[in-house]
C-alpha atoms as a PDB file:
ATOM      1  CA  UNK A   1     124.814 140.482  39.643  1.00  0.00           C
ATOM      2  CA  UNK A   2     121.752 142.154  41.644  1.00  0.00           C
ATOM      3  CA  UNK A   3     119.176 140.648  39.016  1.00  0.00           C
ATOM      4  CA  UNK A   4     120.591 137.435  39.482  1.00  0.00           C
ATOM      5  CA  UNK A   5     120.428 137.460  43.494  1.00  0.00           C
ATOM      6  CA  UNK A   6     117.246 138.778  43.530  1.00  0.00           C
ATOM      7  CA  UNK A   7     115.903 136.076  41.204  1.00  0.00           C
ATOM      8  CA  UNK A   8     117.530 133.254  43.515  1.00  0.00           C
ATOM      9  CA  UNK A   9     116.197 134.742  46.422  1.00  0.00           C
ATOM     10  CA  UNK A  10     112.724 134.865  44.420  1.00  0.00           C
ATOM     11  CA  UNK A  11     113.080 131.282  43.212  1.00  0.00           C
ATOM     12  CA  UNK A  12     113.998 130.206  46.776  1.00  0.00           C
ATOM     13  CA  UNK A  13     110.846 131.930  48.324  1.00  0.00           C
ATOM     14  CA  UNK A  14     108.603 130.587  45.651  1.00  0.00           C
ATOM     15  CA  UNK A  15     110.031 126.832  46.232  1.00  0.00           C
ATOM     16  CA  UNK A  16     109.393 127.375  50.057  1.00  0.00           C
ATOM     17  CA  UNK A  17     105.811 128.767  49.245  1.00  0.00           C
ATOM     18  CA  UNK A  18     105.137 125.706  47.236  1.00  0.00           C
ATOM     19  CA  UNK A  19     106.821 123.468  50.144  1.00  0.00           C
ATOM     20  CA  UNK A  20     104.565 125.444  52.460  1.00  0.00           C
ATOM     21  CA  UNK A  21     101.193 124.592  50.529  1.00  0.00           C
ATOM     22  CA  UNK A  22     102.435 120.568  50.248  1.00  0.00           C
ATOM     23  CA  UNK A  23     102.535 120.739  54.004  1.00  0.00           C
ATOM     24  CA  UNK A  24      99.362 122.292  54.387  1.00  0.00           C
ATOM     25  CA  UNK A  25      97.730 119.779  52.047  1.00  0.00           C
ATOM     26  CA  UNK A  26      99.171 116.820  53.811  1.00  0.00           C
ATOM     27  CA  UNK A  27      98.364 118.322  57.003  1.00  0.00           C
ATOM     28  CA  UNK A  28      94.844 118.452  55.614  1.00  0.00           C
ATOM     29  CA  UNK A  29      95.269 115.112  54.345  1.00  0.00           C
ATOM     30  CA  UNK A  30      96.478 113.549  57.540  1.00  0.00           C
ATOM     31  CA  UNK A  31      93.614 115.058  59.748  1.00  0.00           C
ATOM     32  CA  UNK A  32      90.765 113.766  57.135  1.00  0.00           C
ATOM     33  CA  UNK A  33      92.254 110.529  57.364  1.00  0.00           C
ATOM     34  CA  UNK A  34      92.504 110.683  61.240  1.00  0.00           C
ATOM     35  CA  UNK A  35      88.862 111.780  61.233  1.00  0.00           C
ATOM     36  CA  UNK A  36      87.720 108.937  59.027  1.00  0.00           C
ATOM     37  CA  UNK A  37      89.652 106.359  61.444  1.00  0.00           C
ATOM     38  CA  UNK A  38      87.924 107.714  64.450  1.00  0.00           C
ATOM     39  CA  UNK A  39      84.752 107.493  62.623  1.00  0.00           C
ATOM     40  CA  UNK A  40      84.980 103.867  61.432  1.00  0.00           C
ATOM     41  CA  UNK A  41      84.795 101.980  64.703  1.00  0.00           C
ATOM     42  CA  UNK A  42      81.955 104.456  65.719  1.00  0.00           C
ATOM     43  CA  UNK A  43      79.869 103.332  62.609  1.00  0.00           C
ATOM     44  CA  UNK A  44      80.622  99.638  63.185  1.00  0.00           C
ATOM     45  CA  UNK A  45      80.065  99.675  66.726  1.00  0.00           C
ATOM     46  CA  UNK A  46      76.507  98.902  68.263  1.00  0.00           C
END
């Protein structure tokens, strides 16, 4: 019973860690795309 409970906690924590990693990855992607959008007008401008 306790082993099953600890396994559920471990499974939930590992899923939480994966979601956190995905969140960090998406935030890094978002900042990179924002930087590209900010750079594009400067490159095409005079």
